[in-house]
Amino acid sequence: MFISLFATIGAATTEPNSGGGILSILPLVLIFGAMYFLLLRPQRKRQKETRSLQSALQEGDEVILASGIYGFISAIEDGYVWLDIAEKVEIRVARSAIATKVSTPSSTDQSSSDKNDKK
């Protein structure tokens, strides 16, 4: 009984594969390519943007921490930043804790919004 089973398996594996070796690897290559473009590439882009943001910080910038705290940068040390979060309240945080820089509206945006308010 076992001998006939092994003979059947052996006969099935000796038949030539009509698909070829390259076509059997193609789905794996496509999966890795999709993972690169959907996962790895955007993550690297975000890391590059974060690195450039953290290196461009200056005193007086308004920032938002990853925890959601808003503050103004009062001093910058090697790996740390001092933030003024309220009057006479200053905290020291790691540079990596800064999530975004708050953009203040430009003078042209303010003047157009003032005109809309007057109407």
PDB file of N, CA and C in Angstrom:
ATOM      1  N   MET A   1       0.820  -1.176   0.000  1.00  0.00           N
ATOM      2  CA  MET A   1       0.000   0.000   0.000  1.00  0.00           C
ATOM      3  C   MET A   1       0.873   1.252   0.000  1.00  0.00           C
ATOM      4  N   PHE A   2       1.882   1.293   0.883  1.00  0.00           N
ATOM      5  CA  PHE A   2       2.778   2.443   0.921  1.00  0.00           C
ATOM      6  C   PHE A   2       3.635   2.520  -0.336  1.00  0.00           C
ATOM      7  N   ILE A   3       3.966   1.359  -0.875  1.00  0.00           N
ATOM      8  CA  ILE A   3       4.800   1.338  -2.068  1.00  0.00           C
ATOM      9  C   ILE A   3       4.051   1.936  -3.253  1.00  0.00           C
ATOM     10  N   SER A   4       2.793   1.646  -3.375  1.00  0.00           N
ATOM     11  CA  SER A   4       2.012   2.204  -4.485  1.00  0.00           C
ATOM     12  C   SER A   4       1.826   3.723  -4.319  1.00  0.00           C
ATOM     13  N   LEU A   5       1.727   4.176  -3.062  1.00  0.00           N
ATOM     14  CA  LEU A   5       1.608   5.607  -2.806  1.00  0.00           C
ATOM     15  C   LEU A   5       2.887   6.342  -3.202  1.00  0.00           C
ATOM     16  N   PHE A   6       4.049   5.786  -2.825  1.00  0.00           N
ATOM     17  CA  PHE A   6       5.325   6.393  -3.201  1.00  0.00           C
ATOM     18  C   PHE A   6       5.545   6.347  -4.709  1.00  0.00           C
ATOM     19  N   ALA A   7       5.088   5.293  -5.349  1.00  0.00           N
ATOM     20  CA  ALA A   7       5.234   5.179  -6.803  1.00  0.00           C
ATOM     21  C   ALA A   7       4.382   6.246  -7.493  1.00  0.00           C
ATOM     22  N   THR A   8       3.199   6.508  -6.951  1.00  0.00           N
ATOM     23  CA  THR A   8       2.327   7.526  -7.540  1.00  0.00           C
ATOM     24  C   THR A   8       2.929   8.922  -7.362  1.00  0.00           C
ATOM     25  N   ILE A   9       3.473   9.198  -6.180  1.00  0.00           N
ATOM     26  CA  ILE A   9       4.100  10.485  -5.928  1.00  0.00           C
ATOM     27  C   ILE A   9       5.332  10.664  -6.803  1.00  0.00           C
ATOM     28  N   GLY A  10       6.131   9.625  -6.935  1.00  0.00           N
ATOM     29  CA  GLY A  10       7.333   9.682  -7.759  1.00  0.00           C
ATOM     30  C   GLY A  10       6.997   9.903  -9.221  1.00  0.00           C
ATOM     31  N   ALA A  11       5.937   9.296  -9.704  1.00  0.00           N
ATOM     32  CA  ALA A  11       5.541   9.479 -11.099  1.00  0.00           C
ATOM     33  C   ALA A  11       5.017  10.886 -11.336  1.00  0.00           C
ATOM     34  N   ALA A  12       4.352  11.447 -10.336  1.00  0.00           N
ATOM     35  CA  ALA A  12       3.797  12.796 -10.494  1.00  0.00           C
ATOM     36  C   ALA A  12       4.892  13.850 -10.500  1.00  0.00           C
ATOM     37  N   THR A  13       5.973  13.606  -9.787  1.00  0.00           N
ATOM     38  CA  THR A  13       7.044  14.611  -9.722  1.00  0.00           C
ATOM     39  C   THR A  13       7.984  14.538 -10.910  1.00  0.00           C
ATOM     40  N   THR A  14       7.972  13.452 -11.649  1.00  0.00           N
ATOM     41  CA  THR A  14       8.888  13.350 -12.787  1.00  0.00           C
ATOM     42  C   THR A  14       8.304  13.945 -14.061  1.00  0.00           C
ATOM     43  N   GLU A  15       7.041  14.365 -14.047  1.00  0.00           N
ATOM     44  CA  GLU A  15       6.454  14.975 -15.234  1.00  0.00           C
ATOM     45  C   GLU A  15       7.062  16.359 -15.441  1.00  0.00           C
ATOM     46  N   PRO A  16       7.305  16.731 -16.682  1.00  0.00           N
ATOM     47  CA  PRO A  16       7.908  18.045 -16.928  1.00  0.00           C
ATOM     48  C   PRO A  16       6.931  19.180 -16.576  1.00  0.00           C
ATOM     49  N   ASN A  17       7.481  20.243 -16.025  1.00  0.00           N
ATOM     50  CA  ASN A  17       6.681  21.407 -15.649  1.00  0.00           C
ATOM     51  C   ASN A  17       6.589  22.325 -16.862  1.00  0.00           C
ATOM     52  N   SER A  18       5.406  22.586 -17.319  1.00  0.00           N
ATOM     53  CA  SER A  18       5.242  23.389 -18.527  1.00  0.00           C
ATOM     54  C   SER A  18       5.363  24.886 -18.244  1.00  0.00           C
ATOM     55  N   GLY A  19       5.271  25.335 -16.953  1.00  0.00           N
ATOM     56  CA  GLY A  19       5.303  26.758 -16.611  1.00  0.00           C
ATOM     57  C   GLY A  19       6.699  27.344 -16.625  1.00  0.00           C
ATOM     58  N   GLY A  20       7.693  26.561 -16.396  1.00  0.00           N
ATOM     59  CA  GLY A  20       9.053  27.072 -16.362  1.00  0.00           C
ATOM     60  C   GLY A  20       9.406  27.616 -14.985  1.00  0.00           C
ATOM     61  N   GLY A  21      10.684  27.772 -14.720  1.00  0.00           N
ATOM     62  CA  GLY A  21      11.145  28.229 -13.418  1.00  0.00           C
ATOM     63  C   GLY A  21      10.944  29.712 -13.193  1.00  0.00           C
ATOM     64  N   ILE A  22      11.071  30.502 -14.251  1.00  0.00           N
ATOM     65  CA  ILE A  22      10.955  31.955 -14.103  1.00  0.00           C
ATOM     66  C   ILE A  22       9.528  32.360 -13.784  1.00  0.00           C
ATOM     67  N   LEU A  23       8.566  31.730 -14.410  1.00  0.00           N
ATOM     68  CA  LEU A  23       7.166  32.086 -14.166  1.00  0.00           C
ATOM     69  C   LEU A  23       6.707  31.708 -12.760  1.00  0.00           C
ATOM     70  N   SER A  24       7.333  30.716 -12.155  1.00  0.00           N
ATOM     71  CA  SER A  24       6.949  30.347 -10.799  1.00  0.00           C
ATOM     72  C   SER A  24       7.509  31.337  -9.765  1.00  0.00           C
ATOM     73  N   ILE A  25       8.573  32.045 -10.098  1.00  0.00           N
ATOM     74  CA  ILE A  25       9.172  33.021  -9.195  1.00  0.00           C
ATOM     75  C   ILE A  25       8.524  34.405  -9.360  1.00  0.00           C
ATOM     76  N   LEU A  26       7.892  34.643 -10.482  1.00  0.00           N
ATOM     77  CA  LEU A  26       7.309  35.946 -10.785  1.00  0.00           C
ATOM     78  C   LEU A  26       6.323  36.452  -9.729  1.00  0.00           C
ATOM     79  N   PRO A  27       5.415  35.647  -9.176  1.00  0.00           N
ATOM     80  CA  PRO A  27       4.517  36.169  -8.132  1.00  0.00           C
ATOM     81  C   PRO A  27       5.260  36.659  -6.884  1.00  0.00           C
ATOM     82  N   LEU A  28       6.323  35.966  -6.502  1.00  0.00           N
ATOM     83  CA  LEU A  28       7.109  36.409  -5.346  1.00  0.00           C
ATOM     84  C   LEU A  28       7.778  37.754  -5.609  1.00  0.00           C
ATOM     85  N   VAL A  29       8.302  37.929  -6.797  1.00  0.00           N
ATOM     86  CA  VAL A  29       8.935  39.192  -7.157  1.00  0.00           C
ATOM     87  C   VAL A  29       7.895  40.314  -7.148  1.00  0.00           C
ATOM     88  N   LEU A  30       6.712  40.053  -7.665  1.00  0.00           N
ATOM     89  CA  LEU A  30       5.650  41.061  -7.673  1.00  0.00           C
ATOM     90  C   LEU A  30       5.201  41.421  -6.259  1.00  0.00           C
ATOM     91  N   ILE A  31       5.135  40.458  -5.369  1.00  0.00           N
ATOM     92  CA  ILE A  31       4.739  40.715  -3.977  1.00  0.00           C
ATOM     93  C   ILE A  31       5.788  41.597  -3.295  1.00  0.00           C
ATOM     94  N   PHE A  32       7.063  41.283  -3.465  1.00  0.00           N
ATOM     95  CA  PHE A  32       8.113  42.095  -2.856  1.00  0.00           C
ATOM     96  C   PHE A  32       8.147  43.502  -3.462  1.00  0.00           C
ATOM     97  N   GLY A  33       7.901  43.605  -4.750  1.00  0.00           N
ATOM     98  CA  GLY A  33       7.847  44.921  -5.382  1.00  0.00           C
ATOM     99  C   GLY A  33       6.697  45.760  -4.848  1.00  0.00           C
ATOM    100  N   ALA A  34       5.541  45.139  -4.671  1.00  0.00           N
ATOM    101  CA  ALA A  34       4.385  45.854  -4.127  1.00  0.00           C
ATOM    102  C   ALA A  34       4.656  46.279  -2.684  1.00  0.00           C
ATOM    103  N   MET A  35       5.272  45.414  -1.898  1.00  0.00           N
ATOM    104  CA  MET A  35       5.587  45.763  -0.510  1.00  0.00           C
ATOM    105  C   MET A  35       6.556  46.942  -0.453  1.00  0.00           C
ATOM    106  N   TYR A  36       7.505  46.981  -1.371  1.00  0.00           N
ATOM    107  CA  TYR A  36       8.460  48.086  -1.386  1.00  0.00           C
ATOM    108  C   TYR A  36       7.743  49.401  -1.656  1.00  0.00           C
ATOM    109  N   PHE A  37       6.901  49.420  -2.689  1.00  0.00           N
ATOM    110  CA  PHE A  37       6.253  50.674  -3.066  1.00  0.00           C
ATOM    111  C   PHE A  37       5.120  51.067  -2.127  1.00  0.00           C
ATOM    112  N   LEU A  38       4.503  50.122  -1.448  1.00  0.00           N
ATOM    113  CA  LEU A  38       3.387  50.444  -0.562  1.00  0.00           C
ATOM    114  C   LEU A  38       3.803  50.666   0.888  1.00  0.00           C
ATOM    115  N   LEU A  39       4.892  50.049   1.328  1.00  0.00           N
ATOM    116  CA  LEU A  39       5.281  50.131   2.740  1.00  0.00           C
ATOM    117  C   LEU A  39       6.632  50.793   2.965  1.00  0.00           C
ATOM    118  N   LEU A  40       7.653  50.292   2.349  1.00  0.00           N
ATOM    119  CA  LEU A  40       9.011  50.744   2.659  1.00  0.00           C
ATOM    120  C   LEU A  40       9.316  52.136   2.117  1.00  0.00           C
ATOM    121  N   ARG A  41       8.950  52.409   0.894  1.00  0.00           N
ATOM    122  CA  ARG A  41       9.270  53.696   0.285  1.00  0.00           C
ATOM    123  C   ARG A  41       8.586  54.870   0.993  1.00  0.00           C
ATOM    124  N   PRO A  42       7.279  54.797   1.293  1.00  0.00           N
ATOM    125  CA  PRO A  42       6.655  55.902   2.029  1.00  0.00           C
ATOM    126  C   PRO A  42       7.239  56.100   3.423  1.00  0.00           C
ATOM    127  N   GLN A  43       7.613  55.014   4.091  1.00  0.00           N
ATOM    128  CA  GLN A  43       8.203  55.123   5.421  1.00  0.00           C
ATOM    129  C   GLN A  43       9.546  55.839   5.361  1.00  0.00           C
ATOM    130  N   ARG A  44      10.355  55.527   4.383  1.00  0.00           N
ATOM    131  CA  ARG A  44      11.644  56.202   4.229  1.00  0.00           C
ATOM    132  C   ARG A  44      11.446  57.688   3.922  1.00  0.00           C
ATOM    133  N   LYS A  45      10.429  57.999   3.133  1.00  0.00           N
ATOM    134  CA  LYS A  45      10.138  59.391   2.811  1.00  0.00           C
ATOM    135  C   LYS A  45       9.750  60.163   4.070  1.00  0.00           C
ATOM    136  N   ARG A  46       8.898  59.556   4.916  1.00  0.00           N
ATOM    137  CA  ARG A  46       8.502  60.199   6.174  1.00  0.00           C
ATOM    138  C   ARG A  46       9.696  60.401   7.094  1.00  0.00           C
ATOM    139  N   GLN A  47      10.584  59.412   7.173  1.00  0.00           N
ATOM    140  CA  GLN A  47      11.773  59.537   8.007  1.00  0.00           C
ATOM    141  C   GLN A  47      12.672  60.675   7.513  1.00  0.00           C
ATOM    142  N   LYS A  48      12.810  60.801   6.210  1.00  0.00           N
ATOM    143  CA  LYS A  48      13.634  61.865   5.645  1.00  0.00           C
ATOM    144  C   LYS A  48      13.021  63.229   5.959  1.00  0.00           C
ATOM    145  N   GLU A  49      11.690  63.363   5.844  1.00  0.00           N
ATOM    146  CA  GLU A  49      11.031  64.628   6.158  1.00  0.00           C
ATOM    147  C   GLU A  49      11.182  64.973   7.636  1.00  0.00           C
ATOM    148  N   THR A  50      11.053  63.973   8.507  1.00  0.00           N
ATOM    149  CA  THR A  50      11.203  64.207   9.941  1.00  0.00           C
ATOM    150  C   THR A  50      12.619  64.639  10.272  1.00  0.00           C
ATOM    151  N   ARG A  51      13.606  63.992   9.674  1.00  0.00           N
ATOM    152  CA  ARG A  51      14.999  64.355   9.902  1.00  0.00           C
ATOM    153  C   ARG A  51      15.273  65.792   9.461  1.00  0.00           C
ATOM    154  N   SER A  52      14.744  66.174   8.301  1.00  0.00           N
ATOM    155  CA  SER A  52      14.979  67.537   7.816  1.00  0.00           C
ATOM    156  C   SER A  52      14.250  68.555   8.687  1.00  0.00           C
ATOM    157  N   LEU A  53      13.059  68.221   9.191  1.00  0.00           N
ATOM    158  CA  LEU A  53      12.331  69.115  10.095  1.00  0.00           C
ATOM    159  C   LEU A  53      13.112  69.327  11.382  1.00  0.00           C
ATOM    160  N   GLN A  54      13.615  68.253  11.970  1.00  0.00           N
ATOM    161  CA  GLN A  54      14.318  68.351  13.236  1.00  0.00           C
ATOM    162  C   GLN A  54      15.665  69.057  13.096  1.00  0.00           C
ATOM    163  N   SER A  55      16.279  68.981  11.943  1.00  0.00           N
ATOM    164  CA  SER A  55      17.544  69.680  11.762  1.00  0.00           C
ATOM    165  C   SER A  55      17.334  71.159  11.438  1.00  0.00           C
ATOM    166  N   ALA A  56      16.146  71.539  10.980  1.00  0.00           N
ATOM    167  CA  ALA A  56      15.875  72.927  10.608  1.00  0.00           C
ATOM    168  C   ALA A  56      15.207  73.720  11.725  1.00  0.00           C
ATOM    169  N   LEU A  57      15.121  73.168  12.919  1.00  0.00           N
ATOM    170  CA  LEU A  57      14.469  73.877  14.025  1.00  0.00           C
ATOM    171  C   LEU A  57      15.304  75.069  14.463  1.00  0.00           C
ATOM    172  N   GLN A  58      14.599  76.159  14.797  1.00  0.00           N
ATOM    173  CA  GLN A  58      15.264  77.358  15.268  1.00  0.00           C
ATOM    174  C   GLN A  58      14.533  77.880  16.493  1.00  0.00           C
ATOM    175  N   GLU A  59      15.215  78.712  17.247  1.00  0.00           N
ATOM    176  CA  GLU A  59      14.576  79.317  18.414  1.00  0.00           C
ATOM    177  C   GLU A  59      13.443  80.219  17.947  1.00  0.00           C
ATOM    178  N   GLY A  60      12.332  80.162  18.657  1.00  0.00           N
ATOM    179  CA  GLY A  60      11.169  80.969  18.318  1.00  0.00           C
ATOM    180  C   GLY A  60      10.151  80.243  17.466  1.00  0.00           C
ATOM    181  N   ASP A  61      10.486  79.057  16.926  1.00  0.00           N
ATOM    182  CA  ASP A  61       9.529  78.288  16.131  1.00  0.00           C
ATOM    183  C   ASP A  61       8.441  77.713  17.024  1.00  0.00           C
ATOM    184  N   GLU A  62       7.218  77.688  16.510  1.00  0.00           N
ATOM    185  CA  GLU A  62       6.133  77.038  17.237  1.00  0.00           C
ATOM    186  C   GLU A  62       6.020  75.616  16.721  1.00  0.00           C
ATOM    187  N   VAL A  63       6.025  74.659  17.645  1.00  0.00           N
ATOM    188  CA  VAL A  63       6.014  73.249  17.273  1.00  0.00           C
ATOM    189  C   VAL A  63       4.928  72.499  18.046  1.00  0.00           C
ATOM    190  N   ILE A  64       4.614  71.317  17.519  1.00  0.00           N
ATOM    191  CA  ILE A  64       3.698  70.406  18.191  1.00  0.00           C
ATOM    192  C   ILE A  64       4.466  69.132  18.493  1.00  0.00           C
ATOM    193  N   LEU A  65       4.398  68.682  19.730  1.00  0.00           N
ATOM    194  CA  LEU A  65       5.048  67.437  20.104  1.00  0.00           C
ATOM    195  C   LEU A  65       4.175  66.251  19.699  1.00  0.00           C
ATOM    196  N   ALA A  66       4.759  65.066  19.696  1.00  0.00           N
ATOM    197  CA  ALA A  66       4.009  63.858  19.360  1.00  0.00           C
ATOM    198  C   ALA A  66       2.880  63.612  20.357  1.00  0.00           C
ATOM    199  N   SER A  67       3.009  64.143  21.559  1.00  0.00           N
ATOM    200  CA  SER A  67       1.971  63.982  22.575  1.00  0.00           C
ATOM    201  C   SER A  67       0.859  65.009  22.431  1.00  0.00           C
ATOM    202  N   GLY A  68       1.028  65.984  21.531  1.00  0.00           N
ATOM    203  CA  GLY A  68      -0.005  66.977  21.294  1.00  0.00           C
ATOM    204  C   GLY A  68       0.217  68.299  21.999  1.00  0.00           C
ATOM    205  N   ILE A  69       1.336  68.479  22.645  1.00  0.00           N
ATOM    206  CA  ILE A  69       1.631  69.720  23.358  1.00  0.00           C
ATOM    207  C   ILE A  69       2.178  70.752  22.369  1.00  0.00           C
ATOM    208  N   TYR A  70       1.610  71.950  22.405  1.00  0.00           N
ATOM    209  CA  TYR A  70       2.087  73.067  21.595  1.00  0.00           C
ATOM    210  C   TYR A  70       3.086  73.869  22.416  1.00  0.00           C
ATOM    211  N   GLY A  71       4.095  74.435  21.765  1.00  0.00           N
ATOM    212  CA  GLY A  71       5.040  75.270  22.476  1.00  0.00           C
ATOM    213  C   GLY A  71       5.957  76.018  21.525  1.00  0.00           C
ATOM    214  N   PHE A  72       6.642  76.997  22.070  1.00  0.00           N
ATOM    215  CA  PHE A  72       7.628  77.771  21.322  1.00  0.00           C
ATOM    216  C   PHE A  72       9.014  77.362  21.782  1.00  0.00           C
ATOM    217  N   ILE A  73       9.926  77.175  20.849  1.00  0.00           N
ATOM    218  CA  ILE A  73      11.296  76.774  21.171  1.00  0.00           C
ATOM    219  C   ILE A  73      12.026  77.968  21.768  1.00  0.00           C
ATOM    220  N   SER A  74      12.554  77.776  22.980  1.00  0.00           N
ATOM    221  CA  SER A  74      13.301  78.851  23.624  1.00  0.00           C
ATOM    222  C   SER A  74      14.808  78.611  23.578  1.00  0.00           C
ATOM    223  N   ALA A  75      15.240  77.358  23.525  1.00  0.00           N
ATOM    224  CA  ALA A  75      16.666  77.041  23.431  1.00  0.00           C
ATOM    225  C   ALA A  75      16.822  75.660  22.807  1.00  0.00           C
ATOM    226  N   ILE A  76      17.945  75.474  22.121  1.00  0.00           N
ATOM    227  CA  ILE A  76      18.227  74.199  21.474  1.00  0.00           C
ATOM    228  C   ILE A  76      19.569  73.704  21.971  1.00  0.00           C
ATOM    229  N   GLU A  77      19.593  72.465  22.487  1.00  0.00           N
ATOM    230  CA  GLU A  77      20.836  71.799  22.879  1.00  0.00           C
ATOM    231  C   GLU A  77      21.087  70.669  21.898  1.00  0.00           C
ATOM    232  N   ASP A  78      22.061  69.807  22.187  1.00  0.00           N
ATOM    233  CA  ASP A  78      22.418  68.748  21.249  1.00  0.00           C
ATOM    234  C   ASP A  78      21.223  67.872  20.867  1.00  0.00           C
ATOM    235  N   GLY A  79      20.703  67.141  21.815  1.00  0.00           N
ATOM    236  CA  GLY A  79      19.588  66.252  21.521  1.00  0.00           C
ATOM    237  C   GLY A  79      18.286  66.697  22.147  1.00  0.00           C
ATOM    238  N   TYR A  80      18.315  67.863  22.768  1.00  0.00           N
ATOM    239  CA  TYR A  80      17.148  68.343  23.506  1.00  0.00           C
ATOM    240  C   TYR A  80      16.732  69.725  23.036  1.00  0.00           C
ATOM    241  N   VAL A  81      15.465  70.036  23.313  1.00  0.00           N
ATOM    242  CA  VAL A  81      14.906  71.340  22.989  1.00  0.00           C
ATOM    243  C   VAL A  81      14.146  71.830  24.207  1.00  0.00           C
ATOM    244  N   TRP A  82      14.309  73.118  24.546  1.00  0.00           N
ATOM    245  CA  TRP A  82      13.541  73.725  25.631  1.00  0.00           C
ATOM    246  C   TRP A  82      12.331  74.417  25.027  1.00  0.00           C
ATOM    247  N   LEU A  83      11.148  74.098  25.529  1.00  0.00           N
ATOM    248  CA  LEU A  83       9.903  74.664  25.018  1.00  0.00           C
ATOM    249  C   LEU A  83       9.220  75.510  26.071  1.00  0.00           C
ATOM    250  N   ASP A  84       8.715  76.666  25.650  1.00  0.00           N
ATOM    251  CA  ASP A  84       7.837  77.475  26.489  1.00  0.00           C
ATOM    252  C   ASP A  84       6.417  77.048  26.145  1.00  0.00           C
ATOM    253  N   ILE A  85       5.727  76.430  27.112  1.00  0.00           N
ATOM    254  CA  ILE A  85       4.369  75.973  26.838  1.00  0.00           C
ATOM    255  C   ILE A  85       3.327  76.868  27.498  1.00  0.00           C
ATOM    256  N   ALA A  86       3.735  77.682  28.423  1.00  0.00           N
ATOM    257  CA  ALA A  86       2.857  78.664  29.072  1.00  0.00           C
ATOM    258  C   ALA A  86       3.760  79.727  29.681  1.00  0.00           C
ATOM    259  N   GLU A  87       3.150  80.742  30.239  1.00  0.00           N
ATOM    260  CA  GLU A  87       3.943  81.799  30.857  1.00  0.00           C
ATOM    261  C   GLU A  87       4.680  81.239  32.074  1.00  0.00           C
ATOM    262  N   LYS A  88       5.991  81.390  32.076  1.00  0.00           N
ATOM    263  CA  LYS A  88       6.880  80.904  33.138  1.00  0.00           C
ATOM    264  C   LYS A  88       6.880  79.379  33.282  1.00  0.00           C
ATOM    265  N   VAL A  89       6.510  78.670  32.220  1.00  0.00           N
ATOM    266  CA  VAL A  89       6.545  77.201  32.220  1.00  0.00           C
ATOM    267  C   VAL A  89       7.396  76.766  31.035  1.00  0.00           C
ATOM    268  N   GLU A  90       8.506  76.133  31.349  1.00  0.00           N
ATOM    269  CA  GLU A  90       9.438  75.698  30.316  1.00  0.00           C
ATOM    270  C   GLU A  90       9.748  74.218  30.550  1.00  0.00           C
ATOM    271  N   ILE A  91       9.695  73.435  29.481  1.00  0.00           N
ATOM    272  CA  ILE A  91       9.996  72.008  29.597  1.00  0.00           C
ATOM    273  C   ILE A  91      11.118  71.650  28.631  1.00  0.00           C
ATOM    274  N   ARG A  92      11.828  70.585  28.984  1.00  0.00           N
ATOM    275  CA  ARG A  92      12.892  70.073  28.123  1.00  0.00           C
ATOM    276  C   ARG A  92      12.403  68.775  27.502  1.00  0.00           C
ATOM    277  N   VAL A  93      12.463  68.679  26.183  1.00  0.00           N
ATOM    278  CA  VAL A  93      12.015  67.482  25.474  1.00  0.00           C
ATOM    279  C   VAL A  93      13.084  67.055  24.477  1.00  0.00           C
ATOM    280  N   ALA A  94      13.023  65.814  24.082  1.00  0.00           N
ATOM    281  CA  ALA A  94      13.939  65.300  23.068  1.00  0.00           C
ATOM    282  C   ALA A  94      13.538  65.848  21.702  1.00  0.00           C
ATOM    283  N   ARG A  95      14.522  66.058  20.851  1.00  0.00           N
ATOM    284  CA  ARG A  95      14.229  66.538  19.490  1.00  0.00           C
ATOM    285  C   ARG A  95      13.319  65.574  18.751  1.00  0.00           C
ATOM    286  N   SER A  96      13.476  64.299  19.002  1.00  0.00           N
ATOM    287  CA  SER A  96      12.673  63.297  18.291  1.00  0.00           C
ATOM    288  C   SER A  96      11.206  63.345  18.696  1.00  0.00           C
ATOM    289  N   ALA A  97      10.871  64.036  19.784  1.00  0.00           N
ATOM    290  CA  ALA A  97       9.474  64.148  20.216  1.00  0.00           C
ATOM    291  C   ALA A  97       8.713  65.194  19.419  1.00  0.00           C
ATOM    292  N   ILE A  98       9.408  66.006  18.646  1.00  0.00           N
ATOM    293  CA  ILE A  98       8.741  67.047  17.867  1.00  0.00           C
ATOM    294  C   ILE A  98       8.153  66.425  16.616  1.00  0.00           C
ATOM    295  N   ALA A  99       6.826  66.540  16.491  1.00  0.00           N
ATOM    296  CA  ALA A  99       6.127  65.922  15.372  1.00  0.00           C
ATOM    297  C   ALA A  99       6.024  66.865  14.175  1.00  0.00           C
ATOM    298  N   THR A 100       5.571  68.090  14.407  1.00  0.00           N
ATOM    299  CA  THR A 100       5.398  69.023  13.302  1.00  0.00           C
ATOM    300  C   THR A 100       5.741  70.442  13.743  1.00  0.00           C
ATOM    301  N   LYS A 101       5.931  71.271  12.756  1.00  0.00           N
ATOM    302  CA  LYS A 101       6.171  72.689  12.976  1.00  0.00           C
ATOM    303  C   LYS A 101       4.896  73.415  12.576  1.00  0.00           C
ATOM    304  N   VAL A 102       4.407  74.277  13.448  1.00  0.00           N
ATOM    305  CA  VAL A 102       3.170  74.991  13.166  1.00  0.00           C
ATOM    306  C   VAL A 102       3.481  76.115  12.192  1.00  0.00           C
ATOM    307  N   SER A 103       2.754  76.145  11.094  1.00  0.00           N
ATOM    308  CA  SER A 103       2.973  77.209  10.117  1.00  0.00           C
ATOM    309  C   SER A 103       2.029  78.355  10.421  1.00  0.00           C
ATOM    310  N   THR A 104       2.591  79.524  10.498  1.00  0.00           N
ATOM    311  CA  THR A 104       1.772  80.705  10.745  1.00  0.00           C
ATOM    312  C   THR A 104       1.279  81.228   9.403  1.00  0.00           C
ATOM    313  N   PRO A 105       0.055  81.729   9.335  1.00  0.00           N
ATOM    314  CA  PRO A 105      -0.446  82.231   8.058  1.00  0.00           C
ATOM    315  C   PRO A 105       0.355  83.439   7.597  1.00  0.00           C
ATOM    316  N   SER A 106       0.599  83.498   6.302  1.00  0.00           N
ATOM    317  CA  SER A 106       1.383  84.612   5.761  1.00  0.00           C
ATOM    318  C   SER A 106       0.537  85.880   5.738  1.00  0.00           C
ATOM    319  N   SER A 107       1.171  87.010   5.468  1.00  0.00           N
ATOM    320  CA  SER A 107       0.472  88.294   5.488  1.00  0.00           C
ATOM    321  C   SER A 107      -0.574  88.374   4.381  1.00  0.00           C
ATOM    322  N   THR A 108      -0.355  87.705   3.243  1.00  0.00           N
ATOM    323  CA  THR A 108      -1.344  87.746   2.167  1.00  0.00           C
ATOM    324  C   THR A 108      -2.579  86.940   2.543  1.00  0.00           C
ATOM    325  N   ASP A 109      -2.385  85.831   3.260  1.00  0.00           N
ATOM    326  CA  ASP A 109      -3.520  85.040   3.706  1.00  0.00           C
ATOM    327  C   ASP A 109      -4.330  85.812   4.739  1.00  0.00           C
ATOM    328  N   GLN A 110      -3.656  86.532   5.610  1.00  0.00           N
ATOM    329  CA  GLN A 110      -4.350  87.296   6.636  1.00  0.00           C
ATOM    330  C   GLN A 110      -5.123  88.444   6.021  1.00  0.00           C
ATOM    331  N   SER A 111      -4.534  89.137   5.044  1.00  0.00           N
ATOM    332  CA  SER A 111      -5.225  90.276   4.435  1.00  0.00           C
ATOM    333  C   SER A 111      -6.445  89.818   3.653  1.00  0.00           C
ATOM    334  N   SER A 112      -6.374  88.666   2.996  1.00  0.00           N
ATOM    335  CA  SER A 112      -7.541  88.170   2.271  1.00  0.00           C
ATOM    336  C   SER A 112      -8.630  87.721   3.230  1.00  0.00           C
ATOM    337  N   SER A 113      -8.258  87.153   4.368  1.00  0.00           N
ATOM    338  CA  SER A 113      -9.276  86.750   5.338  1.00  0.00           C
ATOM    339  C   SER A 113      -9.893  87.959   6.005  1.00  0.00           C
ATOM    340  N   ASP A 114      -9.106  89.057   6.182  1.00  0.00           N
ATOM    341  CA  ASP A 114      -9.650  90.285   6.739  1.00  0.00           C
ATOM    342  C   ASP A 114     -10.661  90.906   5.797  1.00  0.00           C
ATOM    343  N   LYS A 115     -10.393  90.844   4.486  1.00  0.00           N
ATOM    344  CA  LYS A 115     -11.316  91.386   3.503  1.00  0.00           C
ATOM    345  C   LYS A 115     -12.621  90.606   3.499  1.00  0.00           C
ATOM    346  N   ASN A 116     -12.526  89.281   3.660  1.00  0.00           N
ATOM    347  CA  ASN A 116     -13.722  88.461   3.678  1.00  0.00           C
ATOM    348  C   ASN A 116     -14.549  88.728   4.932  1.00  0.00           C
ATOM    349  N   ASP A 117     -13.887  89.034   6.044  1.00  0.00           N
ATOM    350  CA  ASP A 117     -14.595  89.317   7.279  1.00  0.00           C
ATOM    351  C   ASP A 117     -15.342  90.640   7.207  1.00  0.00           C
ATOM    352  N   LYS A 118     -14.803  91.619   6.464  1.00  0.00           N
ATOM    353  CA  LYS A 118     -15.420  92.939   6.367  1.00  0.00           C
ATOM    354  C   LYS A 118     -16.666  92.929   5.497  1.00  0.00           C
ATOM    355  N   LYS A 119     -16.789  91.955   4.603  1.00  0.00           N
ATOM    356  CA  LYS A 119     -17.965  91.887   3.725  1.00  0.00           C
ATOM    357  C   LYS A 119     -19.117  91.425   4.507  1.00  0.00           C
TER     358      LYS A 119
END
